[in-house]
């Protein structure tokens, strides 16, 4: 039986730019950066507060070379925050592409994208 979701792997075109986006604009911290041989490297990130789940950035072209059968689409990720309005403003102030805050019944949410146009969502939680 599954006990938790430990890691989410994101396949990106530019690991360094993606790392910069997640750390400088979103406030995540690097908890591990590793290399396996000459070609494979990854960067593991987590929010500064909260979750057990980490995000691991892999270079898409390198992984495609070793495992072409994988699905390289971006997973749909939903993040939670205690202050949706404040986070929305902080991201906008850091020039993150943010969507408008949407209201669905009692749920409030917005989406944002990284520089590679991968979209993610945030909800008050």
PDB file of N, CA and C in Angstrom:
ATOM      1  N   UNK A   1       0.834  -1.174   0.000  1.00  0.00           N
ATOM      2  CA  UNK A   1       0.000   0.000   0.000  1.00  0.00           C
ATOM      3  C   UNK A   1       0.886   1.247   0.000  1.00  0.00           C
ATOM      4  N   UNK A   2       0.475   2.275  -0.737  1.00  0.00           N
ATOM      5  CA  UNK A   2       1.218   3.536  -0.778  1.00  0.00           C
ATOM      6  C   UNK A   2       1.081   4.257   0.551  1.00  0.00           C
ATOM      7  N   UNK A   3       2.135   4.953   0.963  1.00  0.00           N
ATOM      8  CA  UNK A   3       2.081   5.701   2.216  1.00  0.00           C
ATOM      9  C   UNK A   3       2.223   7.204   2.032  1.00  0.00           C
ATOM     10  N   UNK A   4       2.850   7.648   0.942  1.00  0.00           N
ATOM     11  CA  UNK A   4       2.960   9.082   0.664  1.00  0.00           C
ATOM     12  C   UNK A   4       3.492   9.287  -0.753  1.00  0.00           C
ATOM     13  N   UNK A   5       3.339  10.490  -1.250  1.00  0.00           N
ATOM     14  CA  UNK A   5       3.956  10.887  -2.515  1.00  0.00           C
ATOM     15  C   UNK A   5       5.261  11.575  -2.150  1.00  0.00           C
ATOM     16  N   UNK A   6       6.380  10.979  -2.512  1.00  0.00           N
ATOM     17  CA  UNK A   6       7.683  11.467  -2.080  1.00  0.00           C
ATOM     18  C   UNK A   6       8.280  12.511  -3.025  1.00  0.00           C
ATOM     19  N   UNK A   7       8.184  12.266  -4.328  1.00  0.00           N
ATOM     20  CA  UNK A   7       8.844  13.136  -5.297  1.00  0.00           C
ATOM     21  C   UNK A   7       7.997  13.306  -6.549  1.00  0.00           C
ATOM     22  N   UNK A   8       8.114  14.485  -7.137  1.00  0.00           N
ATOM     23  CA  UNK A   8       7.520  14.762  -8.436  1.00  0.00           C
ATOM     24  C   UNK A   8       8.680  15.146  -9.350  1.00  0.00           C
ATOM     25  N   UNK A   9       8.783  14.474 -10.476  1.00  0.00           N
ATOM     26  CA  UNK A   9       9.873  14.746 -11.399  1.00  0.00           C
ATOM     27  C   UNK A   9       9.386  15.670 -12.512  1.00  0.00           C
ATOM     28  N   UNK A  10      10.093  16.777 -12.679  1.00  0.00           N
ATOM     29  CA  UNK A  10       9.801  17.714 -13.758  1.00  0.00           C
ATOM     30  C   UNK A  10      10.937  17.646 -14.760  1.00  0.00           C
ATOM     31  N   UNK A  11      10.588  17.445 -16.013  1.00  0.00           N
ATOM     32  CA  UNK A  11      11.570  17.382 -17.079  1.00  0.00           C
ATOM     33  C   UNK A  11      11.616  18.748 -17.738  1.00  0.00           C
ATOM     34  N   UNK A  12      12.759  19.419 -17.656  1.00  0.00           N
ATOM     35  CA  UNK A  12      12.882  20.800 -18.105  1.00  0.00           C
ATOM     36  C   UNK A  12      13.964  20.911 -19.168  1.00  0.00           C
ATOM     37  N   UNK A  13      13.889  21.978 -19.937  1.00  0.00           N
ATOM     38  CA  UNK A  13      14.868  22.213 -20.993  1.00  0.00           C
ATOM     39  C   UNK A  13      16.141  22.870 -20.464  1.00  0.00           C
ATOM     40  N   UNK A  14      16.031  23.651 -19.397  1.00  0.00           N
ATOM     41  CA  UNK A  14      17.179  24.354 -18.830  1.00  0.00           C
ATOM     42  C   UNK A  14      17.129  24.232 -17.312  1.00  0.00           C
ATOM     43  N   UNK A  15      17.895  23.283 -16.772  1.00  0.00           N
ATOM     44  CA  UNK A  15      17.869  23.035 -15.326  1.00  0.00           C
ATOM     45  C   UNK A  15      18.298  24.259 -14.521  1.00  0.00           C
ATOM     46  N   UNK A  16      19.319  24.963 -14.970  1.00  0.00           N
ATOM     47  CA  UNK A  16      19.811  26.107 -14.209  1.00  0.00           C
ATOM     48  C   UNK A  16      18.775  27.227 -14.162  1.00  0.00           C
ATOM     49  N   UNK A  17      18.144  27.520 -15.292  1.00  0.00           N
ATOM     50  CA  UNK A  17      17.102  28.553 -15.309  1.00  0.00           C
ATOM     51  C   UNK A  17      15.901  28.121 -14.488  1.00  0.00           C
ATOM     52  N   UNK A  18      15.557  26.852 -14.571  1.00  0.00           N
ATOM     53  CA  UNK A  18      14.427  26.349 -13.808  1.00  0.00           C
ATOM     54  C   UNK A  18      14.718  26.388 -12.305  1.00  0.00           C
ATOM     55  N   UNK A  19      15.913  26.003 -11.923  1.00  0.00           N
ATOM     56  CA  UNK A  19      16.318  26.076 -10.510  1.00  0.00           C
ATOM     57  C   UNK A  19      16.226  27.514 -10.009  1.00  0.00           C
ATOM     58  N   UNK A  20      16.701  28.440 -10.801  1.00  0.00           N
ATOM     59  CA  UNK A  20      16.648  29.860 -10.440  1.00  0.00           C
ATOM     60  C   UNK A  20      15.201  30.313 -10.260  1.00  0.00           C
ATOM     61  N   UNK A  21      14.308  29.908 -11.167  1.00  0.00           N
ATOM     62  CA  UNK A  21      12.892  30.260 -11.069  1.00  0.00           C
ATOM     63  C   UNK A  21      12.299  29.740  -9.763  1.00  0.00           C
ATOM     64  N   UNK A  22      12.485  28.455  -9.477  1.00  0.00           N
ATOM     65  CA  UNK A  22      11.881  27.840  -8.294  1.00  0.00           C
ATOM     66  C   UNK A  22      12.464  28.393  -6.999  1.00  0.00           C
ATOM     67  N   UNK A  23      13.749  28.727  -6.982  1.00  0.00           N
ATOM     68  CA  UNK A  23      14.354  29.221  -5.745  1.00  0.00           C
ATOM     69  C   UNK A  23      14.187  30.728  -5.580  1.00  0.00           C
ATOM     70  N   UNK A  24      14.497  31.495  -6.603  1.00  0.00           N
ATOM     71  CA  UNK A  24      14.472  32.950  -6.473  1.00  0.00           C
ATOM     72  C   UNK A  24      13.074  33.542  -6.562  1.00  0.00           C
ATOM     73  N   UNK A  25      12.249  33.009  -7.419  1.00  0.00           N
ATOM     74  CA  UNK A  25      10.913  33.587  -7.584  1.00  0.00           C
ATOM     75  C   UNK A  25       9.860  32.924  -6.711  1.00  0.00           C
ATOM     76  N   UNK A  26       9.994  31.612  -6.463  1.00  0.00           N
ATOM     77  CA  UNK A  26       8.978  30.910  -5.687  1.00  0.00           C
ATOM     78  C   UNK A  26       9.400  30.619  -4.256  1.00  0.00           C
ATOM     79  N   UNK A  27      10.666  30.840  -3.942  1.00  0.00           N
ATOM     80  CA  UNK A  27      11.129  30.669  -2.574  1.00  0.00           C
ATOM     81  C   UNK A  27      11.384  29.239  -2.143  1.00  0.00           C
ATOM     82  N   UNK A  28      11.527  28.317  -3.085  1.00  0.00           N
ATOM     83  CA  UNK A  28      11.860  26.942  -2.734  1.00  0.00           C
ATOM     84  C   UNK A  28      13.333  26.874  -2.338  1.00  0.00           C
ATOM     85  N   UNK A  29      13.715  25.819  -1.652  1.00  0.00           N
ATOM     86  CA  UNK A  29      15.117  25.625  -1.288  1.00  0.00           C
ATOM     87  C   UNK A  29      15.638  24.360  -1.950  1.00  0.00           C
ATOM     88  N   UNK A  30      16.906  24.383  -2.307  1.00  0.00           N
ATOM     89  CA  UNK A  30      17.566  23.205  -2.857  1.00  0.00           C
ATOM     90  C   UNK A  30      17.941  22.315  -1.680  1.00  0.00           C
ATOM     91  N   UNK A  31      17.472  21.073  -1.713  1.00  0.00           N
ATOM     92  CA  UNK A  31      17.834  20.154  -0.637  1.00  0.00           C
ATOM     93  C   UNK A  31      18.850  19.117  -1.103  1.00  0.00           C
ATOM     94  N   UNK A  32      19.021  19.003  -2.424  1.00  0.00           N
ATOM     95  CA  UNK A  32      20.000  18.060  -2.944  1.00  0.00           C
ATOM     96  C   UNK A  32      20.259  18.396  -4.411  1.00  0.00           C
ATOM     97  N   UNK A  33      21.502  18.376  -4.806  1.00  0.00           N
ATOM     98  CA  UNK A  33      21.880  18.517  -6.210  1.00  0.00           C
ATOM     99  C   UNK A  33      22.919  17.432  -6.462  1.00  0.00           C
ATOM    100  N   UNK A  34      22.651  16.565  -7.423  1.00  0.00           N
ATOM    101  CA  UNK A  34      23.506  15.402  -7.625  1.00  0.00           C
ATOM    102  C   UNK A  34      23.797  15.184  -9.098  1.00  0.00           C
ATOM    103  N   UNK A  35      24.834  14.402  -9.312  1.00  0.00           N
ATOM    104  CA  UNK A  35      25.197  13.985 -10.660  1.00  0.00           C
ATOM    105  C   UNK A  35      25.460  12.495 -10.655  1.00  0.00           C
ATOM    106  N   UNK A  36      25.129  11.851 -11.768  1.00  0.00           N
ATOM    107  CA  UNK A  36      25.413  10.428 -11.947  1.00  0.00           C
ATOM    108  C   UNK A  36      26.146  10.288 -13.270  1.00  0.00           C
ATOM    109  N   UNK A  37      27.425  10.198 -13.218  1.00  0.00           N
ATOM    110  CA  UNK A  37      28.198  10.115 -14.451  1.00  0.00           C
ATOM    111  C   UNK A  37      28.381  11.485 -15.073  1.00  0.00           C
ATOM    112  N   UNK A  38      28.754  11.481 -16.343  1.00  0.00           N
ATOM    113  CA  UNK A  38      29.046  12.728 -17.041  1.00  0.00           C
ATOM    114  C   UNK A  38      27.804  13.479 -17.484  1.00  0.00           C
ATOM    115  N   UNK A  39      26.684  12.776 -17.680  1.00  0.00           N
ATOM    116  CA  UNK A  39      25.531  13.415 -18.297  1.00  0.00           C
ATOM    117  C   UNK A  39      24.358  13.690 -17.362  1.00  0.00           C
ATOM    118  N   UNK A  40      24.068  12.791 -16.464  1.00  0.00           N
ATOM    119  CA  UNK A  40      22.847  12.893 -15.669  1.00  0.00           C
ATOM    120  C   UNK A  40      23.074  13.711 -14.405  1.00  0.00           C
ATOM    121  N   UNK A  41      22.276  14.757 -14.229  1.00  0.00           N
ATOM    122  CA  UNK A  41      22.283  15.503 -12.977  1.00  0.00           C
ATOM    123  C   UNK A  41      20.849  15.888 -12.647  1.00  0.00           C
ATOM    124  N   UNK A  42      20.600  16.134 -11.370  1.00  0.00           N
ATOM    125  CA  UNK A  42      19.269  16.535 -10.954  1.00  0.00           C
ATOM    126  C   UNK A  42      19.366  17.490  -9.788  1.00  0.00           C
ATOM    127  N   UNK A  43      18.302  18.259  -9.602  1.00  0.00           N
ATOM    128  CA  UNK A  43      18.209  19.226  -8.515  1.00  0.00           C
ATOM    129  C   UNK A  43      16.908  18.945  -7.788  1.00  0.00           C
ATOM    130  N   UNK A  44      16.999  18.711  -6.481  1.00  0.00           N
ATOM    131  CA  UNK A  44      15.812  18.425  -5.667  1.00  0.00           C
ATOM    132  C   UNK A  44      15.459  19.665  -4.858  1.00  0.00           C
ATOM    133  N   UNK A  45      14.194  20.050  -4.936  1.00  0.00           N
ATOM    134  CA  UNK A  45      13.696  21.276  -4.306  1.00  0.00           C
ATOM    135  C   UNK A  45      12.497  20.981  -3.412  1.00  0.00           C
ATOM    136  N   UNK A  46      12.328  21.816  -2.394  1.00  0.00           N
ATOM    137  CA  UNK A  46      11.142  21.757  -1.542  1.00  0.00           C
ATOM    138  C   UNK A  46      10.750  23.175  -1.160  1.00  0.00           C
ATOM    139  N   UNK A  47       9.469  23.385  -0.878  1.00  0.00           N
ATOM    140  CA  UNK A  47       9.090  24.684  -0.314  1.00  0.00           C
ATOM    141  C   UNK A  47       9.825  24.883   1.014  1.00  0.00           C
ATOM    142  N   UNK A  48      10.046  26.127   1.389  1.00  0.00           N
ATOM    143  CA  UNK A  48      10.757  26.388   2.644  1.00  0.00           C
ATOM    144  C   UNK A  48       9.963  25.915   3.846  1.00  0.00           C
ATOM    145  N   UNK A  49       8.667  25.841   3.703  1.00  0.00           N
ATOM    146  CA  UNK A  49       7.820  25.365   4.792  1.00  0.00           C
ATOM    147  C   UNK A  49       6.944  24.239   4.277  1.00  0.00           C
ATOM    148  N   UNK A  50       6.638  23.298   5.136  1.00  0.00           N
ATOM    149  CA  UNK A  50       5.560  22.398   4.810  1.00  0.00           C
ATOM    150  C   UNK A  50       5.860  21.010   4.341  1.00  0.00           C
ATOM    151  N   UNK A  51       5.795  20.725   3.162  1.00  0.00           N
ATOM    152  CA  UNK A  51       5.530  19.438   2.539  1.00  0.00           C
ATOM    153  C   UNK A  51       6.614  18.366   2.681  1.00  0.00           C
ATOM    154  N   UNK A  52       6.185  17.139   2.627  1.00  0.00           N
ATOM    155  CA  UNK A  52       7.099  15.995   2.536  1.00  0.00           C
ATOM    156  C   UNK A  52       7.529  15.764   1.095  1.00  0.00           C
ATOM    157  N   UNK A  53       6.728  16.202   0.147  1.00  0.00           N
ATOM    158  CA  UNK A  53       6.982  15.950  -1.270  1.00  0.00           C
ATOM    159  C   UNK A  53       7.997  16.946  -1.819  1.00  0.00           C
ATOM    160  N   UNK A  54       8.945  16.451  -2.588  1.00  0.00           N
ATOM    161  CA  UNK A  54       9.924  17.327  -3.223  1.00  0.00           C
ATOM    162  C   UNK A  54       9.721  17.304  -4.739  1.00  0.00           C
ATOM    163  N   UNK A  55      10.248  18.327  -5.384  1.00  0.00           N
ATOM    164  CA  UNK A  55      10.246  18.429  -6.846  1.00  0.00           C
ATOM    165  C   UNK A  55      11.673  18.207  -7.304  1.00  0.00           C
ATOM    166  N   UNK A  56      11.847  17.332  -8.287  1.00  0.00           N
ATOM    167  CA  UNK A  56      13.188  17.068  -8.816  1.00  0.00           C
ATOM    168  C   UNK A  56      13.228  17.513 -10.270  1.00  0.00           C
ATOM    169  N   UNK A  57      14.187  18.378 -10.577  1.00  0.00           N
ATOM    170  CA  UNK A  57      14.365  18.885 -11.933  1.00  0.00           C
ATOM    171  C   UNK A  57      15.371  18.011 -12.673  1.00  0.00           C
ATOM    172  N   UNK A  58      14.925  17.462 -13.792  1.00  0.00           N
ATOM    173  CA  UNK A  58      15.791  16.663 -14.662  1.00  0.00           C
ATOM    174  C   UNK A  58      15.861  17.325 -16.029  1.00  0.00           C
ATOM    175  N   UNK A  59      16.995  17.193 -16.678  1.00  0.00           N
ATOM    176  CA  UNK A  59      17.142  17.677 -18.040  1.00  0.00           C
ATOM    177  C   UNK A  59      16.368  16.760 -18.986  1.00  0.00           C
ATOM    178  N   UNK A  60      15.396  17.326 -19.678  1.00  0.00           N
ATOM    179  CA  UNK A  60      14.508  16.554 -20.544  1.00  0.00           C
ATOM    180  C   UNK A  60      15.280  15.768 -21.608  1.00  0.00           C
ATOM    181  N   UNK A  61      16.220  16.412 -22.308  1.00  0.00           N
ATOM    182  CA  UNK A  61      16.927  15.746 -23.408  1.00  0.00           C
ATOM    183  C   UNK A  61      17.767  14.564 -22.917  1.00  0.00           C
ATOM    184  N   UNK A  62      18.385  14.724 -21.762  1.00  0.00           N
ATOM    185  CA  UNK A  62      19.200  13.628 -21.216  1.00  0.00           C
ATOM    186  C   UNK A  62      18.327  12.437 -20.850  1.00  0.00           C
ATOM    187  N   UNK A  63      17.214  12.691 -20.167  1.00  0.00           N
ATOM    188  CA  UNK A  63      16.330  11.599 -19.763  1.00  0.00           C
ATOM    189  C   UNK A  63      15.701  10.946 -20.992  1.00  0.00           C
ATOM    190  N   UNK A  64      15.330  11.738 -21.992  1.00  0.00           N
ATOM    191  CA  UNK A  64      14.770  11.176 -23.229  1.00  0.00           C
ATOM    192  C   UNK A  64      15.748  10.206 -23.883  1.00  0.00           C
ATOM    193  N   UNK A  65      17.039  10.532 -23.805  1.00  0.00           N
ATOM    194  CA  UNK A  65      18.057   9.670 -24.410  1.00  0.00           C
ATOM    195  C   UNK A  65      18.102   8.308 -23.711  1.00  0.00           C
ATOM    196  N   UNK A  66      18.007   8.301 -22.395  1.00  0.00           N
ATOM    197  CA  UNK A  66      18.091   7.056 -21.630  1.00  0.00           C
ATOM    198  C   UNK A  66      16.758   6.328 -21.503  1.00  0.00           C
ATOM    199  N   UNK A  67      15.658   7.066 -21.516  1.00  0.00           N
ATOM    200  CA  UNK A  67      14.323   6.461 -21.317  1.00  0.00           C
ATOM    201  C   UNK A  67      13.302   7.112 -22.236  1.00  0.00           C
ATOM    202  N   UNK A  68      13.400   6.868 -23.539  1.00  0.00           N
ATOM    203  CA  UNK A  68      12.509   7.540 -24.485  1.00  0.00           C
ATOM    204  C   UNK A  68      11.038   7.160 -24.332  1.00  0.00           C
ATOM    205  N   UNK A  69      10.741   6.072 -23.610  1.00  0.00           N
ATOM    206  CA  UNK A  69       9.356   5.624 -23.456  1.00  0.00           C
ATOM    207  C   UNK A  69       8.577   6.429 -22.412  1.00  0.00           C
ATOM    208  N   UNK A  70       9.246   7.277 -21.639  1.00  0.00           N
ATOM    209  CA  UNK A  70       8.565   8.038 -20.587  1.00  0.00           C
ATOM    210  C   UNK A  70       7.664   9.119 -21.170  1.00  0.00           C
ATOM    211  N   UNK A  71       6.681   9.530 -20.395  1.00  0.00           N
ATOM    212  CA  UNK A  71       5.831  10.670 -20.738  1.00  0.00           C
ATOM    213  C   UNK A  71       6.526  11.919 -20.216  1.00  0.00           C
ATOM    214  N   UNK A  72       6.863  12.844 -21.082  1.00  0.00           N
ATOM    215  CA  UNK A  72       7.623  14.022 -20.687  1.00  0.00           C
ATOM    216  C   UNK A  72       6.755  15.262 -20.519  1.00  0.00           C
ATOM    217  N   UNK A  73       5.448  15.083 -20.505  1.00  0.00           N
ATOM    218  CA  UNK A  73       4.555  16.203 -20.241  1.00  0.00           C
ATOM    219  C   UNK A  73       4.687  16.662 -18.797  1.00  0.00           C
ATOM    220  N   UNK A  74       4.354  17.911 -18.558  1.00  0.00           N
ATOM    221  CA  UNK A  74       4.420  18.459 -17.207  1.00  0.00           C
ATOM    222  C   UNK A  74       3.221  17.991 -16.406  1.00  0.00           C
ATOM    223  N   UNK A  75       3.451  17.454 -15.210  1.00  0.00           N
ATOM    224  CA  UNK A  75       2.301  17.038 -14.395  1.00  0.00           C
ATOM    225  C   UNK A  75       1.517  18.256 -13.923  1.00  0.00           C
ATOM    226  N   UNK A  76       0.252  18.062 -13.671  1.00  0.00           N
ATOM    227  CA  UNK A  76      -0.586  19.135 -13.154  1.00  0.00           C
ATOM    228  C   UNK A  76      -0.419  19.161 -11.639  1.00  0.00           C
ATOM    229  N   UNK A  77       0.240  20.194 -11.139  1.00  0.00           N
ATOM    230  CA  UNK A  77       0.519  20.304  -9.716  1.00  0.00           C
ATOM    231  C   UNK A  77      -0.354  21.369  -9.079  1.00  0.00           C
ATOM    232  N   UNK A  78      -0.912  21.055  -7.911  1.00  0.00           N
ATOM    233  CA  UNK A  78      -1.703  22.013  -7.138  1.00  0.00           C
ATOM    234  C   UNK A  78      -0.965  22.269  -5.837  1.00  0.00           C
ATOM    235  N   UNK A  79      -0.613  23.520  -5.607  1.00  0.00           N
ATOM    236  CA  UNK A  79       0.026  23.925  -4.366  1.00  0.00           C
ATOM    237  C   UNK A  79      -1.012  24.568  -3.456  1.00  0.00           C
ATOM    238  N   UNK A  80      -0.767  24.529  -2.155  1.00  0.00           N
ATOM    239  CA  UNK A  80      -1.624  25.203  -1.181  1.00  0.00           C
ATOM    240  C   UNK A  80      -0.854  26.354  -0.551  1.00  0.00           C
ATOM    241  N   UNK A  81      -1.585  27.374  -0.117  1.00  0.00           N
ATOM    242  CA  UNK A  81      -1.014  28.498   0.602  1.00  0.00           C
ATOM    243  C   UNK A  81      -2.008  28.970   1.650  1.00  0.00           C
ATOM    244  N   UNK A  82      -1.491  29.588   2.701  1.00  0.00           N
ATOM    245  CA  UNK A  82      -2.371  30.141   3.731  1.00  0.00           C
ATOM    246  C   UNK A  82      -2.917  31.506   3.330  1.00  0.00           C
ATOM    247  N   UNK A  83      -2.182  32.243   2.484  1.00  0.00           N
ATOM    248  CA  UNK A  83      -2.601  33.589   2.080  1.00  0.00           C
ATOM    249  C   UNK A  83      -2.502  33.717   0.567  1.00  0.00           C
ATOM    250  N   UNK A  84      -3.585  33.393  -0.099  1.00  0.00           N
ATOM    251  CA  UNK A  84      -3.619  33.366  -1.565  1.00  0.00           C
ATOM    252  C   UNK A  84      -3.346  34.756  -2.157  1.00  0.00           C
ATOM    253  N   UNK A  85      -3.974  35.783  -1.596  1.00  0.00           N
ATOM    254  CA  UNK A  85      -3.812  37.139  -2.138  1.00  0.00           C
ATOM    255  C   UNK A  85      -2.364  37.614  -2.011  1.00  0.00           C
ATOM    256  N   UNK A  86      -1.749  37.367  -0.869  1.00  0.00           N
ATOM    257  CA  UNK A  86      -0.370  37.783  -0.653  1.00  0.00           C
ATOM    258  C   UNK A  86       0.564  37.049  -1.610  1.00  0.00           C
ATOM    259  N   UNK A  87       0.400  35.733  -1.756  1.00  0.00           N
ATOM    260  CA  UNK A  87       1.250  34.975  -2.665  1.00  0.00           C
ATOM    261  C   UNK A  87       1.064  35.436  -4.104  1.00  0.00           C
ATOM    262  N   UNK A  88      -0.164  35.676  -4.502  1.00  0.00           N
ATOM    263  CA  UNK A  88      -0.449  36.156  -5.857  1.00  0.00           C
ATOM    264  C   UNK A  88       0.307  37.463  -6.117  1.00  0.00           C
ATOM    265  N   UNK A  89       0.252  38.382  -5.168  1.00  0.00           N
ATOM    266  CA  UNK A  89       0.931  39.671  -5.317  1.00  0.00           C
ATOM    267  C   UNK A  89       2.448  39.504  -5.319  1.00  0.00           C
ATOM    268  N   UNK A  90       2.975  38.659  -4.428  1.00  0.00           N
ATOM    269  CA  UNK A  90       4.424  38.423  -4.378  1.00  0.00           C
ATOM    270  C   UNK A  90       4.942  37.876  -5.703  1.00  0.00           C
ATOM    271  N   UNK A  91       4.231  36.906  -6.267  1.00  0.00           N
ATOM    272  CA  UNK A  91       4.667  36.330  -7.540  1.00  0.00           C
ATOM    273  C   UNK A  91       4.579  37.355  -8.660  1.00  0.00           C
ATOM    274  N   UNK A  92       3.499  38.130  -8.684  1.00  0.00           N
ATOM    275  CA  UNK A  92       3.359  39.173  -9.707  1.00  0.00           C
ATOM    276  C   UNK A  92       4.493  40.196  -9.580  1.00  0.00           C
ATOM    277  N   UNK A  93       4.850  40.560  -8.343  1.00  0.00           N
ATOM    278  CA  UNK A  93       5.936  41.519  -8.112  1.00  0.00           C
ATOM    279  C   UNK A  93       7.289  40.976  -8.571  1.00  0.00           C
ATOM    280  N   UNK A  94       7.434  39.652  -8.620  1.00  0.00           N
ATOM    281  CA  UNK A  94       8.678  39.014  -9.076  1.00  0.00           C
ATOM    282  C   UNK A  94       8.624  38.676 -10.565  1.00  0.00           C
ATOM    283  N   UNK A  95       7.644  39.235 -11.265  1.00  0.00           N
ATOM    284  CA  UNK A  95       7.472  39.042 -12.712  1.00  0.00           C
ATOM    285  C   UNK A  95       7.196  37.600 -13.099  1.00  0.00           C
ATOM    286  N   UNK A  96       6.532  36.848 -12.205  1.00  0.00           N
ATOM    287  CA  UNK A  96       6.053  35.515 -12.548  1.00  0.00           C
ATOM    288  C   UNK A  96       4.748  35.695 -13.315  1.00  0.00           C
ATOM    289  N   UNK A  97       4.556  34.924 -14.359  1.00  0.00           N
ATOM    290  CA  UNK A  97       3.314  34.977 -15.119  1.00  0.00           C
ATOM    291  C   UNK A  97       2.202  34.343 -14.279  1.00  0.00           C
ATOM    292  N   UNK A  98       1.340  35.174 -13.688  1.00  0.00           N
ATOM    293  CA  UNK A  98       0.254  34.678 -12.848  1.00  0.00           C
ATOM    294  C   UNK A  98      -1.091  34.976 -13.504  1.00  0.00           C
ATOM    295  N   UNK A  99      -2.019  34.041 -13.352  1.00  0.00           N
ATOM    296  CA  UNK A  99      -3.380  34.259 -13.812  1.00  0.00           C
ATOM    297  C   UNK A  99      -4.166  34.998 -12.744  1.00  0.00           C
ATOM    298  N   UNK A 100      -5.357  35.415 -13.094  1.00  0.00           N
ATOM    299  CA  UNK A 100      -6.174  36.107 -12.105  1.00  0.00           C
ATOM    300  C   UNK A 100      -6.721  35.104 -11.090  1.00  0.00           C
ATOM    301  N   UNK A 101      -7.057  35.610  -9.930  1.00  0.00           N
ATOM    302  CA  UNK A 101      -7.640  34.759  -8.900  1.00  0.00           C
ATOM    303  C   UNK A 101      -9.062  34.410  -9.317  1.00  0.00           C
ATOM    304  N   UNK A 102      -9.345  33.129  -9.330  1.00  0.00           N
ATOM    305  CA  UNK A 102     -10.661  32.614  -9.710  1.00  0.00           C
ATOM    306  C   UNK A 102     -11.381  32.109  -8.456  1.00  0.00           C
ATOM    307  N   UNK A 103     -12.694  32.213  -8.465  1.00  0.00           N
ATOM    308  CA  UNK A 103     -13.509  31.743  -7.341  1.00  0.00           C
ATOM    309  C   UNK A 103     -14.494  30.716  -7.867  1.00  0.00           C
ATOM    310  N   UNK A 104     -14.467  29.541  -7.262  1.00  0.00           N
ATOM    311  CA  UNK A 104     -15.380  28.446  -7.592  1.00  0.00           C
ATOM    312  C   UNK A 104     -16.061  28.017  -6.299  1.00  0.00           C
ATOM    313  N   UNK A 105     -17.237  28.545  -6.037  1.00  0.00           N
ATOM    314  CA  UNK A 105     -17.906  28.270  -4.769  1.00  0.00           C
ATOM    315  C   UNK A 105     -17.082  28.853  -3.646  1.00  0.00           C
ATOM    316  N   UNK A 106     -16.647  28.032  -2.715  1.00  0.00           N
ATOM    317  CA  UNK A 106     -15.825  28.514  -1.598  1.00  0.00           C
ATOM    318  C   UNK A 106     -14.322  28.393  -1.898  1.00  0.00           C
ATOM    319  N   UNK A 107     -13.974  27.876  -3.065  1.00  0.00           N
ATOM    320  CA  UNK A 107     -12.573  27.688  -3.431  1.00  0.00           C
ATOM    321  C   UNK A 107     -12.054  28.894  -4.207  1.00  0.00           C
ATOM    322  N   UNK A 108     -10.869  29.371  -3.812  1.00  0.00           N
ATOM    323  CA  UNK A 108     -10.169  30.446  -4.528  1.00  0.00           C
ATOM    324  C   UNK A 108      -8.843  29.894  -5.019  1.00  0.00           C
ATOM    325  N   UNK A 109      -8.504  30.198  -6.258  1.00  0.00           N
ATOM    326  CA  UNK A 109      -7.308  29.629  -6.865  1.00  0.00           C
ATOM    327  C   UNK A 109      -6.754  30.565  -7.944  1.00  0.00           C
ATOM    328  N   UNK A 110      -5.484  30.366  -8.288  1.00  0.00           N
ATOM    329  CA  UNK A 110      -4.905  31.009  -9.470  1.00  0.00           C
ATOM    330  C   UNK A 110      -3.828  30.084 -10.028  1.00  0.00           C
ATOM    331  N   UNK A 111      -3.457  30.335 -11.272  1.00  0.00           N
ATOM    332  CA  UNK A 111      -2.376  29.553 -11.857  1.00  0.00           C
ATOM    333  C   UNK A 111      -1.176  30.452 -12.114  1.00  0.00           C
ATOM    334  N   UNK A 112      -0.038  29.837 -12.341  1.00  0.00           N
ATOM    335  CA  UNK A 112       1.176  30.561 -12.692  1.00  0.00           C
ATOM    336  C   UNK A 112       1.997  29.651 -13.602  1.00  0.00           C
ATOM    337  N   UNK A 113       2.944  30.247 -14.311  1.00  0.00           N
ATOM    338  CA  UNK A 113       3.797  29.437 -15.185  1.00  0.00           C
ATOM    339  C   UNK A 113       5.257  29.804 -14.987  1.00  0.00           C
ATOM    340  N   UNK A 114       6.110  28.840 -15.330  1.00  0.00           N
ATOM    341  CA  UNK A 114       7.547  29.103 -15.311  1.00  0.00           C
ATOM    342  C   UNK A 114       7.954  29.649 -16.680  1.00  0.00           C
ATOM    343  N   UNK A 115       9.247  29.870 -16.862  1.00  0.00           N
ATOM    344  CA  UNK A 115       9.736  30.438 -18.127  1.00  0.00           C
ATOM    345  C   UNK A 115       9.595  29.486 -19.308  1.00  0.00           C
ATOM    346  N   UNK A 116       9.380  28.187 -19.036  1.00  0.00           N
ATOM    347  CA  UNK A 116       9.180  27.216 -20.113  1.00  0.00           C
ATOM    348  C   UNK A 116       7.698  27.004 -20.411  1.00  0.00           C
ATOM    349  N   UNK A 117       6.859  27.850 -19.826  1.00  0.00           N
ATOM    350  CA  UNK A 117       5.400  27.829 -20.014  1.00  0.00           C
ATOM    351  C   UNK A 117       4.744  26.561 -19.485  1.00  0.00           C
ATOM    352  N   UNK A 118       5.305  26.015 -18.405  1.00  0.00           N
ATOM    353  CA  UNK A 118       4.656  24.937 -17.664  1.00  0.00           C
ATOM    354  C   UNK A 118       3.748  25.603 -16.639  1.00  0.00           C
ATOM    355  N   UNK A 119       2.485  25.202 -16.607  1.00  0.00           N
ATOM    356  CA  UNK A 119       1.519  25.841 -15.720  1.00  0.00           C
ATOM    357  C   UNK A 119       1.259  25.002 -14.477  1.00  0.00           C
ATOM    358  N   UNK A 120       1.089  25.714 -13.354  1.00  0.00           N
ATOM    359  CA  UNK A 120       0.828  25.118 -12.061  1.00  0.00           C
ATOM    360  C   UNK A 120      -0.295  25.917 -11.408  1.00  0.00           C
ATOM    361  N   UNK A 121      -0.914  25.368 -10.380  1.00  0.00           N
ATOM    362  CA  UNK A 121      -2.026  26.051  -9.710  1.00  0.00           C
ATOM    363  C   UNK A 121      -1.747  26.187  -8.219  1.00  0.00           C
ATOM    364  N   UNK A 122      -2.403  27.184  -7.619  1.00  0.00           N
ATOM    365  CA  UNK A 122      -2.310  27.430  -6.189  1.00  0.00           C
ATOM    366  C   UNK A 122      -3.729  27.618  -5.659  1.00  0.00           C
ATOM    367  N   UNK A 123      -3.963  27.067  -4.468  1.00  0.00           N
ATOM    368  CA  UNK A 123      -5.278  27.167  -3.848  1.00  0.00           C
ATOM    369  C   UNK A 123      -5.088  27.477  -2.373  1.00  0.00           C
ATOM    370  N   UNK A 124      -6.001  28.231  -1.799  1.00  0.00           N
ATOM    371  CA  UNK A 124      -5.954  28.449  -0.351  1.00  0.00           C
ATOM    372  C   UNK A 124      -6.257  27.118   0.306  1.00  0.00           C
ATOM    373  N   UNK A 125      -5.381  26.717   1.233  1.00  0.00           N
ATOM    374  CA  UNK A 125      -5.585  25.400   1.817  1.00  0.00           C
ATOM    375  C   UNK A 125      -5.246  25.299   3.269  1.00  0.00           C
TER     376      UNK A 125
END
